[in-house]
C-alpha atoms as a PDB file:
ATOM      1  CA  MET A   1     -29.795  28.815  -6.256  1.00  0.00           C
ATOM      2  CA  SER A   2     -26.614  30.070  -4.879  1.00  0.00           C
ATOM      3  CA  SER A   3     -23.184  28.364  -5.766  1.00  0.00           C
ATOM      4  CA  GLY A   4     -21.861  29.821  -2.672  1.00  0.00           C
ATOM      5  CA  PRO A   5     -19.326  32.256  -2.281  1.00  0.00           C
ATOM      6  CA  THR A   6     -16.171  33.357  -4.067  1.00  0.00           C
ATOM      7  CA  LEU A   7     -13.030  32.598  -2.799  1.00  0.00           C
ATOM      8  CA  LYS A   8     -12.530  36.442  -2.839  1.00  0.00           C
ATOM      9  CA  GLN A   9     -16.106  37.117  -0.929  1.00  0.00           C
ATOM     10  CA  LEU A  10     -15.377  34.462   1.346  1.00  0.00           C
ATOM     11  CA  ALA A  11     -11.884  36.396   2.282  1.00  0.00           C
ATOM     12  CA  THR A  12     -14.297  39.810   2.686  1.00  0.00           C
ATOM     13  CA  ILE A  13     -16.456  37.808   5.016  1.00  0.00           C
ATOM     14  CA  ILE A  14     -13.865  36.169   7.041  1.00  0.00           C
ATOM     15  CA  GLY A  15     -11.754  39.824   7.314  1.00  0.00           C
ATOM     16  CA  ILE A  16      -8.430  38.477   5.887  1.00  0.00           C
ATOM     17  CA  SER A  17      -6.557  38.225   2.345  1.00  0.00           C
ATOM     18  CA  PRO A  18      -7.669  35.574  -0.481  1.00  0.00           C
ATOM     19  CA  THR A  19      -4.145  34.553   0.136  1.00  0.00           C
ATOM     20  CA  ALA A  20      -4.607  33.552   3.666  1.00  0.00           C
ATOM     21  CA  VAL A  21      -8.043  32.023   2.827  1.00  0.00           C
ATOM     22  CA  SER A  22      -6.498  30.220  -0.049  1.00  0.00           C
ATOM     23  CA  MET A  23      -3.580  28.967   2.536  1.00  0.00           C
ATOM     24  CA  ALA A  24      -6.108  27.865   5.219  1.00  0.00           C
ATOM     25  CA  LEU A  25      -8.077  25.680   2.776  1.00  0.00           C
ATOM     26  CA  ASN A  26      -5.304  23.932   1.026  1.00  0.00           C
ATOM     27  CA  GLY A  27      -3.303  23.046   3.939  1.00  0.00           C
ATOM     28  CA  ARG A  28      -0.376  24.921   3.125  1.00  0.00           C
ATOM     29  CA  PRO A  29       2.108  26.785   5.636  1.00  0.00           C
ATOM     30  CA  GLY A  30       1.749  30.140   6.386  1.00  0.00           C
ATOM     31  CA  VAL A  31      -1.404  30.410   8.946  1.00  0.00           C
ATOM     32  CA  SER A  32      -1.939  28.949  12.334  1.00  0.00           C
ATOM     33  CA  ASP A  33      -4.311  26.003  13.095  1.00  0.00           C
ATOM     34  CA  GLU A  34      -6.947  28.154  15.093  1.00  0.00           C
ATOM     35  CA  LEU A  35      -7.339  30.337  11.632  1.00  0.00           C
ATOM     36  CA  ARG A  36      -7.008  27.244   9.428  1.00  0.00           C
ATOM     37  CA  LYS A  37     -10.121  25.815  11.244  1.00  0.00           C
ATOM     38  CA  ARG A  38     -11.738  29.389  11.407  1.00  0.00           C
ATOM     39  CA  VAL A  39     -12.013  29.455   7.955  1.00  0.00           C
ATOM     40  CA  ARG A  40     -12.661  25.832   7.205  1.00  0.00           C
ATOM     41  CA  ALA A  41     -16.206  26.358   9.333  1.00  0.00           C
ATOM     42  CA  ILE A  42     -16.594  29.501   8.015  1.00  0.00           C
ATOM     43  CA  ALA A  43     -16.487  28.146   4.195  1.00  0.00           C
ATOM     44  CA  GLU A  44     -18.890  25.300   4.977  1.00  0.00           C
ATOM     45  CA  GLU A  45     -21.050  27.684   6.623  1.00  0.00           C
ATOM     46  CA  GLN A  46     -21.471  29.598   3.803  1.00  0.00           C
ATOM     47  CA  GLY A  47     -21.400  27.024   1.190  1.00  0.00           C
ATOM     48  CA  TYR A  48     -18.154  28.099  -0.435  1.00  0.00           C
ATOM     49  CA  ARG A  49     -16.895  25.200  -3.145  1.00  0.00           C
ATOM     50  CA  PRO A  50     -13.449  25.818  -4.654  1.00  0.00           C
ATOM     51  CA  ASN A  51     -13.461  26.489  -8.344  1.00  0.00           C
ATOM     52  CA  PHE A  52     -10.884  23.421  -9.405  1.00  0.00           C
ATOM     53  CA  ALA A  53     -11.192  24.645 -13.232  1.00  0.00           C
ATOM     54  CA  ALA A  54     -10.155  28.069 -12.902  1.00  0.00           C
ATOM     55  CA  ARG A  55      -7.435  26.909  -9.997  1.00  0.00           C
ATOM     56  CA  ALA A  56      -6.053  24.455 -12.760  1.00  0.00           C
ATOM     57  CA  LEU A  57      -5.663  27.521 -15.058  1.00  0.00           C
ATOM     58  CA  ARG A  58      -3.780  29.460 -12.727  1.00  0.00           C
ATOM     59  CA  VAL A  59      -1.577  26.934 -11.529  1.00  0.00           C
ATOM     60  CA  GLU A  60      -1.469  24.518 -14.448  1.00  0.00           C
ATOM     61  CA  ARG A  61      -2.917  21.909 -12.120  1.00  0.00           C
ATOM     62  CA  SER A  62      -6.013  19.957 -12.630  1.00  0.00           C
ATOM     63  CA  ASN A  63      -6.174  19.007  -8.740  1.00  0.00           C
ATOM     64  CA  MET A  64      -6.532  15.511  -9.376  1.00  0.00           C
ATOM     65  CA  LEU A  65      -4.008  12.404  -8.105  1.00  0.00           C
ATOM     66  CA  GLY A  66      -3.957   9.269  -9.596  1.00  0.00           C
ATOM     67  CA  LEU A  67      -3.590   5.917  -7.511  1.00  0.00           C
ATOM     68  CA  ILE A  68      -2.907   2.644  -9.103  1.00  0.00           C
ATOM     69  CA  SER A  69      -3.062  -0.753  -7.175  1.00  0.00           C
ATOM     70  CA  ARG A  70      -1.906  -4.302  -8.188  1.00  0.00           C
ATOM     71  CA  ASN A  71      -4.946  -5.992  -7.504  1.00  0.00           C
ATOM     72  CA  LEU A  72      -8.169  -4.454  -6.436  1.00  0.00           C
ATOM     73  CA  SER A  73      -9.520  -8.538  -5.296  1.00  0.00           C
ATOM     74  CA  ASN A  74      -6.654  -7.859  -1.823  1.00  0.00           C
ATOM     75  CA  PRO A  75      -8.919  -6.145   0.462  1.00  0.00           C
ATOM     76  CA  GLY A  76      -5.736  -4.529   1.471  1.00  0.00           C
ATOM     77  CA  TYR A  77      -5.806  -1.924  -1.236  1.00  0.00           C
ATOM     78  CA  LEU A  78      -9.192  -1.022  -0.381  1.00  0.00           C
ATOM     79  CA  ARG A  79      -7.753   0.269   2.854  1.00  0.00           C
ATOM     80  CA  LEU A  80      -4.417   1.763   1.003  1.00  0.00           C
ATOM     81  CA  ILE A  81      -7.517   3.731  -1.046  1.00  0.00           C
ATOM     82  CA  ASP A  82      -8.897   4.678   2.255  1.00  0.00           C
ATOM     83  CA  GLY A  83      -6.267   6.394   3.615  1.00  0.00           C
ATOM     84  CA  PHE A  84      -5.139   8.299   0.132  1.00  0.00           C
ATOM     85  CA  SER A  85      -8.246   9.636  -0.886  1.00  0.00           C
ATOM     86  CA  GLY A  86      -9.333  11.009   2.545  1.00  0.00           C
ATOM     87  CA  ALA A  87      -5.973  12.736   2.963  1.00  0.00           C
ATOM     88  CA  ALA A  88      -5.931  13.970  -0.742  1.00  0.00           C
ATOM     89  CA  GLU A  89      -9.876  15.209  -0.328  1.00  0.00           C
ATOM     90  CA  GLU A  90      -8.940  17.035   3.159  1.00  0.00           C
ATOM     91  CA  GLN A  91      -6.309  19.288   1.169  1.00  0.00           C
ATOM     92  CA  GLY A  92      -8.958  19.578  -2.360  1.00  0.00           C
ATOM     93  CA  TYR A  93      -7.732  17.055  -4.681  1.00  0.00           C
ATOM     94  CA  GLN A  94      -9.702  14.407  -6.324  1.00  0.00           C
ATOM     95  CA  VAL A  95      -8.547  11.013  -7.311  1.00  0.00           C
ATOM     96  CA  LEU A  96      -8.670   8.569  -9.868  1.00  0.00           C
ATOM     97  CA  VAL A  97      -8.174   4.934  -8.974  1.00  0.00           C
ATOM     98  CA  GLY A  98      -7.352   2.195 -11.090  1.00  0.00           C
ATOM     99  CA  THR A  99      -5.810  -1.453 -11.429  1.00  0.00           C
ATOM    100  CA  SER A 100      -2.967  -3.098 -13.094  1.00  0.00           C
ATOM    101  CA  ASP A 101      -4.115  -6.625 -12.330  1.00  0.00           C
ATOM    102  CA  LEU A 102      -0.934  -7.525 -12.160  1.00  0.00           C
ATOM    103  CA  ASP A 103      -0.258  -7.053 -15.394  1.00  0.00           C
ATOM    104  CA  ARG A 104       2.642  -5.391 -17.087  1.00  0.00           C
ATOM    105  CA  SER A 105       0.900  -4.484 -20.039  1.00  0.00           C
ATOM    106  CA  ARG A 106      -1.973  -3.472 -18.417  1.00  0.00           C
ATOM    107  CA  GLU A 107       0.356  -1.304 -16.217  1.00  0.00           C
ATOM    108  CA  THR A 108       1.980   1.274 -18.605  1.00  0.00           C
ATOM    109  CA  ASN A 109      -1.347   1.437 -20.416  1.00  0.00           C
ATOM    110  CA  MET A 110      -2.997   2.783 -17.224  1.00  0.00           C
ATOM    111  CA  ILE A 111       0.006   4.933 -16.539  1.00  0.00           C
ATOM    112  CA  ARG A 112      -0.530   6.481 -19.696  1.00  0.00           C
ATOM    113  CA  ALA A 113      -3.942   7.353 -19.630  1.00  0.00           C
ATOM    114  CA  MET A 114      -3.557   8.667 -16.251  1.00  0.00           C
ATOM    115  CA  THR A 115      -0.786  10.881 -17.860  1.00  0.00           C
ATOM    116  CA  ASN A 116      -3.157  11.932 -20.558  1.00  0.00           C
ATOM    117  CA  ARG A 117      -5.823  12.838 -17.705  1.00  0.00           C
ATOM    118  CA  GLN A 118      -3.163  15.895 -16.831  1.00  0.00           C
ATOM    119  CA  LEU A 119      -3.071  14.588 -13.299  1.00  0.00           C
ATOM    120  CA  ASP A 120      -0.853  16.308 -10.771  1.00  0.00           C
ATOM    121  CA  GLY A 121       0.938  13.063  -9.184  1.00  0.00           C
ATOM    122  CA  LEU A 122       0.656   9.760  -9.142  1.00  0.00           C
ATOM    123  CA  ALA A 123       1.124   7.147  -6.525  1.00  0.00           C
ATOM    124  CA  ILE A 124       1.303   3.685  -7.474  1.00  0.00           C
ATOM    125  CA  ALA A 125       1.820   0.175  -6.256  1.00  0.00           C
ATOM    126  CA  PRO A 126       4.054  -1.477  -9.068  1.00  0.00           C
ATOM    127  CA  ILE A 127       4.826  -4.424 -10.398  1.00  0.00           C
ATOM    128  CA  ASP A 128       8.080  -3.018 -11.494  1.00  0.00           C
ATOM    129  CA  GLY A 129       9.272  -0.121  -9.663  1.00  0.00           C
ATOM    130  CA  GLU A 130      11.932   0.730 -12.233  1.00  0.00           C
ATOM    131  CA  ALA A 131       9.839  -0.067 -15.086  1.00  0.00           C
ATOM    132  CA  VAL A 132       7.377   2.291 -13.649  1.00  0.00           C
ATOM    133  CA  LEU A 133       9.734   5.104 -12.845  1.00  0.00           C
ATOM    134  CA  ALA A 134      10.736   5.338 -16.545  1.00  0.00           C
ATOM    135  CA  THR A 135       7.548   5.316 -17.914  1.00  0.00           C
ATOM    136  CA  TRP A 136       6.264   7.928 -15.843  1.00  0.00           C
ATOM    137  CA  GLN A 137       9.089   9.988 -16.300  1.00  0.00           C
ATOM    138  CA  GLY A 138       8.975   9.394 -20.235  1.00  0.00           C
ATOM    139  CA  GLU A 139       5.256  10.835 -19.844  1.00  0.00           C
ATOM    140  CA  SER A 140       5.138  13.460 -17.006  1.00  0.00           C
ATOM    141  CA  GLU A 141       7.369  15.403 -14.967  1.00  0.00           C
ATOM    142  CA  ARG A 142       4.609  15.466 -12.065  1.00  0.00           C
ATOM    143  CA  PRO A 143       5.793  14.018  -8.576  1.00  0.00           C
ATOM    144  CA  LEU A 144       5.463  10.280  -8.560  1.00  0.00           C
ATOM    145  CA  VAL A 145       5.392   7.965  -5.306  1.00  0.00           C
ATOM    146  CA  LEU A 146       6.072   4.147  -5.224  1.00  0.00           C
ATOM    147  CA  VAL A 147       4.150   2.063  -2.800  1.00  0.00           C
ATOM    148  CA  ASN A 148       4.949  -1.662  -1.333  1.00  0.00           C
ATOM    149  CA  SER A 149       7.765  -1.292  -3.813  1.00  0.00           C
ATOM    150  CA  ALA A 150      11.329  -3.215  -3.859  1.00  0.00           C
ATOM    151  CA  ARG A 151      14.200  -1.165  -2.147  1.00  0.00           C
ATOM    152  CA  SER A 152      16.068  -1.201  -5.548  1.00  0.00           C
ATOM    153  CA  ALA A 153      13.374   1.201  -7.324  1.00  0.00           C
ATOM    154  CA  ARG A 154      14.341   3.855  -5.036  1.00  0.00           C
ATOM    155  CA  SER A 155      15.343   6.945  -6.901  1.00  0.00           C
ATOM    156  CA  SER A 156      16.092  10.549  -6.851  1.00  0.00           C
ATOM    157  CA  GLY A 157      13.060  10.783  -9.197  1.00  0.00           C
ATOM    158  CA  ALA A 158      10.673   9.359  -7.296  1.00  0.00           C
ATOM    159  CA  MET A 159       9.826   8.921  -3.614  1.00  0.00           C
ATOM    160  CA  SER A 160       8.670   5.828  -1.934  1.00  0.00           C
ATOM    161  CA  ILE A 161       6.390   4.384   1.087  1.00  0.00           C
ATOM    162  CA  ARG A 162       6.392   1.120   2.442  1.00  0.00           C
ATOM    163  CA  GLY A 163       6.280  -1.568   5.112  1.00  0.00           C
ATOM    164  CA  ASN A 164       9.621  -2.234   6.554  1.00  0.00           C
ATOM    165  CA  ALA A 165      10.062  -5.726   4.656  1.00  0.00           C
ATOM    166  CA  SER A 166      12.903  -6.854   6.472  1.00  0.00           C
ATOM    167  CA  GLN A 167      11.381  -6.358   9.539  1.00  0.00           C
ATOM    168  CA  ALA A 168       8.697  -8.325   8.563  1.00  0.00           C
ATOM    169  CA  VAL A 169      10.293 -11.396   7.455  1.00  0.00           C
ATOM    170  CA  ARG A 170      12.503 -11.418  10.169  1.00  0.00           C
ATOM    171  CA  LEU A 171       9.617 -11.669  12.757  1.00  0.00           C
ATOM    172  CA  ALA A 172       7.594 -14.472  10.719  1.00  0.00           C
ATOM    173  CA  VAL A 173      10.568 -16.546  10.275  1.00  0.00           C
ATOM    174  CA  ASP A 174      12.082 -15.630  14.320  1.00  0.00           C
ATOM    175  CA  HIS A 175       8.268 -16.581  15.382  1.00  0.00           C
ATOM    176  CA  LEU A 176       8.356 -20.060  13.591  1.00  0.00           C
ATOM    177  CA  LEU A 177      11.570 -21.204  14.408  1.00  0.00           C
ATOM    178  CA  GLU A 178      11.308 -20.297  18.036  1.00  0.00           C
ATOM    179  CA  LEU A 179       7.895 -22.456  18.034  1.00  0.00           C
ATOM    180  CA  GLY A 180      10.552 -25.231  16.685  1.00  0.00           C
ATOM    181  CA  HIS A 181       9.738 -25.058  13.247  1.00  0.00           C
ATOM    182  CA  ARG A 182      12.446 -26.517  10.689  1.00  0.00           C
ATOM    183  CA  ARG A 183      10.950 -26.854   7.336  1.00  0.00           C
ATOM    184  CA  ILE A 184       9.087 -23.684   6.613  1.00  0.00           C
ATOM    185  CA  GLY A 185       8.129 -22.183   3.049  1.00  0.00           C
ATOM    186  CA  LEU A 186       7.237 -19.108   1.866  1.00  0.00           C
ATOM    187  CA  LEU A 187       4.580 -18.703  -0.561  1.00  0.00           C
ATOM    188  CA  THR A 188       4.908 -15.589  -2.767  1.00  0.00           C
ATOM    189  CA  ASN A 189       3.581 -13.919  -5.745  1.00  0.00           C
ATOM    190  CA  PRO A 190       5.774 -14.307  -8.895  1.00  0.00           C
ATOM    191  CA  GLY A 191       7.112 -11.504 -10.980  1.00  0.00           C
ATOM    192  CA  LEU A 192       6.844  -8.521  -8.434  1.00  0.00           C
ATOM    193  CA  SER A 193      10.279  -6.894  -7.518  1.00  0.00           C
ATOM    194  CA  SER A 194       8.945  -6.762  -4.180  1.00  0.00           C
ATOM    195  CA  ALA A 195       8.234 -10.247  -3.855  1.00  0.00           C
ATOM    196  CA  SER A 196      11.814 -11.329  -5.191  1.00  0.00           C
ATOM    197  CA  GLU A 197      13.357  -8.786  -2.508  1.00  0.00           C
ATOM    198  CA  ARG A 198      11.429 -10.580   0.592  1.00  0.00           C
ATOM    199  CA  VAL A 199      11.998 -14.068  -1.297  1.00  0.00           C
ATOM    200  CA  ALA A 200      16.094 -13.271  -0.840  1.00  0.00           C
ATOM    201  CA  LEU A 201      15.702 -12.604   2.923  1.00  0.00           C
ATOM    202  CA  PHE A 202      13.557 -14.867   3.670  1.00  0.00           C
ATOM    203  CA  ARG A 203      16.151 -17.513   1.713  1.00  0.00           C
ATOM    204  CA  ARG A 204      18.845 -15.707   3.786  1.00  0.00           C
ATOM    205  CA  MET A 205      17.564 -16.180   7.163  1.00  0.00           C
ATOM    206  CA  VAL A 206      16.269 -19.921   6.553  1.00  0.00           C
ATOM    207  CA  ARG A 207      20.206 -20.400   5.442  1.00  0.00           C
ATOM    208  CA  ALA A 208      21.467 -18.669   8.204  1.00  0.00           C
ATOM    209  CA  ALA A 209      19.345 -21.204  10.534  1.00  0.00           C
ATOM    210  CA  GLY A 210      21.028 -24.210   8.636  1.00  0.00           C
ATOM    211  CA  LEU A 211      17.696 -25.127   7.309  1.00  0.00           C
ATOM    212  CA  PRO A 212      16.407 -25.677   3.376  1.00  0.00           C
ATOM    213  CA  SER A 213      14.827 -22.748   1.709  1.00  0.00           C
ATOM    214  CA  ARG A 214      11.258 -23.586   0.191  1.00  0.00           C
ATOM    215  CA  VAL A 215       9.596 -20.898  -1.861  1.00  0.00           C
ATOM    216  CA  ILE A 216       5.961 -21.412  -3.771  1.00  0.00           C
ATOM    217  CA  SER A 217       4.653 -19.203  -5.904  1.00  0.00           C
ATOM    218  CA  GLY A 218       1.189 -19.157  -8.151  1.00  0.00           C
ATOM    219  CA  SER A 219      -0.185 -16.340 -10.383  1.00  0.00           C
ATOM    220  CA  THR A 220      -3.467 -17.441 -10.111  1.00  0.00           C
ATOM    221  CA  ALA A 221      -5.942 -18.551  -7.267  1.00  0.00           C
ATOM    222  CA  ASP A 222      -6.623 -22.017  -8.275  1.00  0.00           C
ATOM    223  CA  GLU A 223      -2.909 -21.979  -9.586  1.00  0.00           C
ATOM    224  CA  THR A 224      -1.824 -21.159  -6.117  1.00  0.00           C
ATOM    225  CA  VAL A 225      -3.981 -23.903  -4.049  1.00  0.00           C
ATOM    226  CA  GLU A 226      -2.541 -26.342  -6.532  1.00  0.00           C
ATOM    227  CA  ARG A 227       0.790 -25.996  -5.976  1.00  0.00           C
ATOM    228  CA  VAL A 228       0.104 -25.149  -2.198  1.00  0.00           C
ATOM    229  CA  VAL A 229      -1.327 -28.800  -2.186  1.00  0.00           C
ATOM    230  CA  ARG A 230       1.487 -30.121  -4.337  1.00  0.00           C
ATOM    231  CA  ALA A 231       4.060 -29.088  -1.735  1.00  0.00           C
ATOM    232  CA  LEU A 232       2.064 -30.353   1.447  1.00  0.00           C
ATOM    233  CA  THR A 233       1.460 -34.023  -0.052  1.00  0.00           C
ATOM    234  CA  ARG A 234       5.342 -34.424  -0.382  1.00  0.00           C
ATOM    235  CA  ASP A 235       7.279 -36.501   2.246  1.00  0.00           C
ATOM    236  CA  ASP A 236       9.333 -33.807   3.435  1.00  0.00           C
ATOM    237  CA  ARG A 237       6.428 -31.001   2.935  1.00  0.00           C
ATOM    238  CA  PRO A 238       6.599 -27.885   5.036  1.00  0.00           C
ATOM    239  CA  THR A 239       5.378 -27.736   8.871  1.00  0.00           C
ATOM    240  CA  ALA A 240       4.836 -23.802   8.316  1.00  0.00           C
ATOM    241  CA  ILE A 241       4.386 -21.474   5.512  1.00  0.00           C
ATOM    242  CA  ILE A 242       4.958 -17.628   5.778  1.00  0.00           C
ATOM    243  CA  THR A 243       2.581 -16.096   3.295  1.00  0.00           C
ATOM    244  CA  ASP A 244       3.323 -12.455   1.560  1.00  0.00           C
ATOM    245  CA  SER A 245      -0.500 -11.048   1.982  1.00  0.00           C
ATOM    246  CA  ASP A 246      -3.376 -12.363   4.011  1.00  0.00           C
ATOM    247  CA  LEU A 247      -5.182 -13.022   0.751  1.00  0.00           C
ATOM    248  CA  LEU A 248      -2.634 -15.618  -0.084  1.00  0.00           C
ATOM    249  CA  ALA A 249      -3.034 -17.167   3.843  1.00  0.00           C
ATOM    250  CA  HIS A 250      -6.594 -18.107   2.415  1.00  0.00           C
ATOM    251  CA  TYR A 251      -5.345 -20.204  -0.012  1.00  0.00           C
ATOM    252  CA  VAL A 252      -2.870 -21.872   2.482  1.00  0.00           C
ATOM    253  CA  TYR A 253      -6.159 -22.644   4.460  1.00  0.00           C
ATOM    254  CA  ASP A 254      -8.150 -23.864   1.165  1.00  0.00           C
ATOM    255  CA  ALA A 255      -4.958 -26.029   0.643  1.00  0.00           C
ATOM    256  CA  ALA A 256      -4.990 -27.710   4.323  1.00  0.00           C
ATOM    257  CA  ILE A 257      -8.406 -28.557   3.957  1.00  0.00           C
ATOM    258  CA  GLU A 258      -7.943 -29.994   0.349  1.00  0.00           C
ATOM    259  CA  THR A 259      -4.878 -32.373   1.915  1.00  0.00           C
ATOM    260  CA  GLY A 260      -6.554 -33.042   5.721  1.00  0.00           C
ATOM    261  CA  LEU A 261      -4.239 -31.099   7.348  1.00  0.00           C
ATOM    262  CA  ARG A 262      -5.430 -29.455  10.553  1.00  0.00           C
ATOM    263  CA  ILE A 263      -4.071 -25.723  11.464  1.00  0.00           C
ATOM    264  CA  PRO A 264      -1.817 -25.195  13.753  1.00  0.00           C
ATOM    265  CA  HIS A 265      -1.763 -28.747  14.415  1.00  0.00           C
ATOM    266  CA  ASP A 266      -0.503 -30.042  11.162  1.00  0.00           C
ATOM    267  CA  LEU A 267       0.600 -26.560   9.506  1.00  0.00           C
ATOM    268  CA  SER A 268       1.334 -23.532  10.937  1.00  0.00           C
ATOM    269  CA  VAL A 269       0.537 -20.048   8.800  1.00  0.00           C
ATOM    270  CA  VAL A 270       1.862 -16.451   9.006  1.00  0.00           C
ATOM    271  CA  GLY A 271       0.030 -13.929   6.758  1.00  0.00           C
ATOM    272  CA  HIS A 272       0.922 -10.219   6.000  1.00  0.00           C
ATOM    273  CA  ASP A 273      -1.416  -7.193   6.526  1.00  0.00           C
ATOM    274  CA  ASP A 274      -3.551  -8.030   9.263  1.00  0.00           C
ATOM    275  CA  LEU A 275      -7.014  -7.913   7.317  1.00  0.00           C
ATOM    276  CA  PRO A 276      -9.787  -6.770   9.489  1.00  0.00           C
ATOM    277  CA  THR A 277     -11.154 -10.681   8.481  1.00  0.00           C
ATOM    278  CA  SER A 278      -8.197 -12.622   9.390  1.00  0.00           C
ATOM    279  CA  HIS A 279      -9.099 -12.602  13.046  1.00  0.00           C
ATOM    280  CA  LEU A 280     -12.538 -14.266  11.676  1.00  0.00           C
ATOM    281  CA  LEU A 281     -10.778 -17.318   9.920  1.00  0.00           C
ATOM    282  CA  GLY A 282     -10.896 -20.721  11.844  1.00  0.00           C
ATOM    283  CA  PRO A 283      -8.457 -20.616  13.463  1.00  0.00           C
ATOM    284  CA  PRO A 284      -7.809 -16.856  13.466  1.00  0.00           C
ATOM    285  CA  LEU A 285      -4.706 -15.601  11.443  1.00  0.00           C
ATOM    286  CA  THR A 286      -1.442 -15.092  13.142  1.00  0.00           C
ATOM    287  CA  THR A 287      -0.076 -12.319  10.871  1.00  0.00           C
ATOM    288  CA  ILE A 288       2.040  -9.376  10.309  1.00  0.00           C
ATOM    289  CA  ALA A 289       0.112  -5.767  10.944  1.00  0.00           C
ATOM    290  CA  LEU A 290       1.068  -3.127   8.669  1.00  0.00           C
ATOM    291  CA  ASP A 291      -1.130   0.041   8.588  1.00  0.00           C
ATOM    292  CA  ARG A 292      -2.057   0.394   4.889  1.00  0.00           C
ATOM    293  CA  CYS A 293      -4.296   2.991   5.383  1.00  0.00           C
ATOM    294  CA  GLU A 294      -1.433   5.216   6.807  1.00  0.00           C
ATOM    295  CA  ILE A 295       0.838   4.284   3.978  1.00  0.00           C
ATOM    296  CA  GLY A 296      -2.061   5.893   1.616  1.00  0.00           C
ATOM    297  CA  ARG A 297      -2.609   8.607   3.771  1.00  0.00           C
ATOM    298  CA  GLN A 298       1.364  10.064   3.721  1.00  0.00           C
ATOM    299  CA  ALA A 299       1.659   8.903   0.103  1.00  0.00           C
ATOM    300  CA  ALA A 300      -1.111  11.673  -0.813  1.00  0.00           C
ATOM    301  CA  THR A 301       0.284  14.074   1.435  1.00  0.00           C
ATOM    302  CA  MET A 302       3.768  13.624   0.161  1.00  0.00           C
ATOM    303  CA  LEU A 303       2.335  14.213  -3.494  1.00  0.00           C
ATOM    304  CA  ILE A 304       0.865  17.421  -2.356  1.00  0.00           C
ATOM    305  CA  GLY A 305       3.582  18.498  -0.302  1.00  0.00           C
ATOM    306  CA  ALA A 306       6.056  18.074  -3.405  1.00  0.00           C
ATOM    307  CA  LEU A 307       3.660  20.096  -5.689  1.00  0.00           C
ATOM    308  CA  ASN A 308       3.495  22.994  -3.139  1.00  0.00           C
ATOM    309  CA  GLY A 309       7.168  22.929  -3.562  1.00  0.00           C
ATOM    310  CA  GLU A 310       7.853  22.065   0.057  1.00  0.00           C
ATOM    311  CA  GLU A 311      10.972  19.762   0.809  1.00  0.00           C
ATOM    312  CA  ILE A 312       9.819  16.504   1.652  1.00  0.00           C
ATOM    313  CA  ASP A 313      11.030  14.767   4.963  1.00  0.00           C
ATOM    314  CA  ARG A 314      12.217  11.671   4.527  1.00  0.00           C
ATOM    315  CA  PRO A 315      11.279  10.775   0.924  1.00  0.00           C
ATOM    316  CA  HIS A 316      11.740   7.298   1.002  1.00  0.00           C
ATOM    317  CA  ARG A 317       9.911   5.960   4.169  1.00  0.00           C
ATOM    318  CA  GLU A 318       9.343   2.616   5.438  1.00  0.00           C
ATOM    319  CA  LEU A 319       6.632   1.985   8.593  1.00  0.00           C
ATOM    320  CA  PRO A 320       7.232  -0.134  10.842  1.00  0.00           C
ATOM    321  CA  VAL A 321       5.207  -3.481  11.097  1.00  0.00           C
ATOM    322  CA  GLU A 322       4.084  -6.027  13.900  1.00  0.00           C
ATOM    323  CA  LEU A 323       3.666  -9.698  14.548  1.00  0.00           C
ATOM    324  CA  GLU A 324       0.035 -10.291  15.619  1.00  0.00           C
ATOM    325  CA  VAL A 325       0.216 -13.565  16.892  1.00  0.00           C
ATOM    326  CA  ARG A 326      -2.950 -15.603  16.876  1.00  0.00           C
ATOM    327  CA  LYS A 327      -4.225 -19.027  16.625  1.00  0.00           C
ATOM    328  CA  SER A 328      -2.694 -20.170  13.165  1.00  0.00           C
ATOM    329  CA  THR A 329       0.676 -20.654  14.912  1.00  0.00           C
ATOM    330  CA  ALA A 330       1.806 -23.302  17.252  1.00  0.00           C
ATOM    331  CA  PRO A 331       5.248 -26.180  17.833  1.00  0.00           C
ATOM    332  CA  PRO A 332       4.929 -28.967  14.916  1.00  0.00           C
ATOM    333  CA  ALA A 333       3.228 -31.644  15.826  1.00  0.00           C
ATOM    334  CA  GLY A 334       5.450 -34.792  17.143  1.00  0.00           C
END
């Protein structure tokens, strides 16, 4: 059974140089879009399969990229993985995926394990971006992209991409203030440098409005629900809660059921991510919409561009977010 033509044989079939074929197949500059499409179509027709092992020996590459998420129980990261792996595979790269499960030692071990696999580059949604940067640079000289990391972790030694955190907090707080809420809480994950940044932004905004800042956090699902229940049974309970993710917003719904509060009549809730299931909640969740698939896609193209020696346009990117208003927010009762 034939394994298809070699790259040189494919170049002969098409009538161009092997270098031009390589540039077309790997998405590198130097050939026209029309030729790129033609080469890829003929390569597929002829059953061409790139020899990754041979290429790795020539250019000291494995043609593998790594992606480490914080927590795969959050469906938002599945969308990020889809975008990352899709963009990588278009350029001839395979993807190795792992998760830290919000455990710092596991995160460090995962980075080192991926380094041992001779990855060409790594994208990671870190628990602590600065610590991750130090670990990676101590193990590898390959490019790194920090995903959804705190602004403070930016460095000339790494690229970064995330949603606009300041815009997200501002949209959520302004929406609730306009509805008339004066007791607003923020539910977040403890220990994340990015969460700490959002907490600081939230506190500045509510204090500027002359209001107290109320921050709730929990490490596990049960602990988070328990702490939200505790906050909702106080005499000065929040009438609205902003969350760091739609997953955390689900926990607020659970806590509201446990305390007998109705959303949005007794409690307004704002999520973050706009998961495909969020509009199916009862009531549908008001949330900050962020295209995690696009974040993954851009993270992969940034890594591959750096590997190809390209000058990366905007190595530190913040994608815009939007407020998707649904039925989980309303003016406070009474």
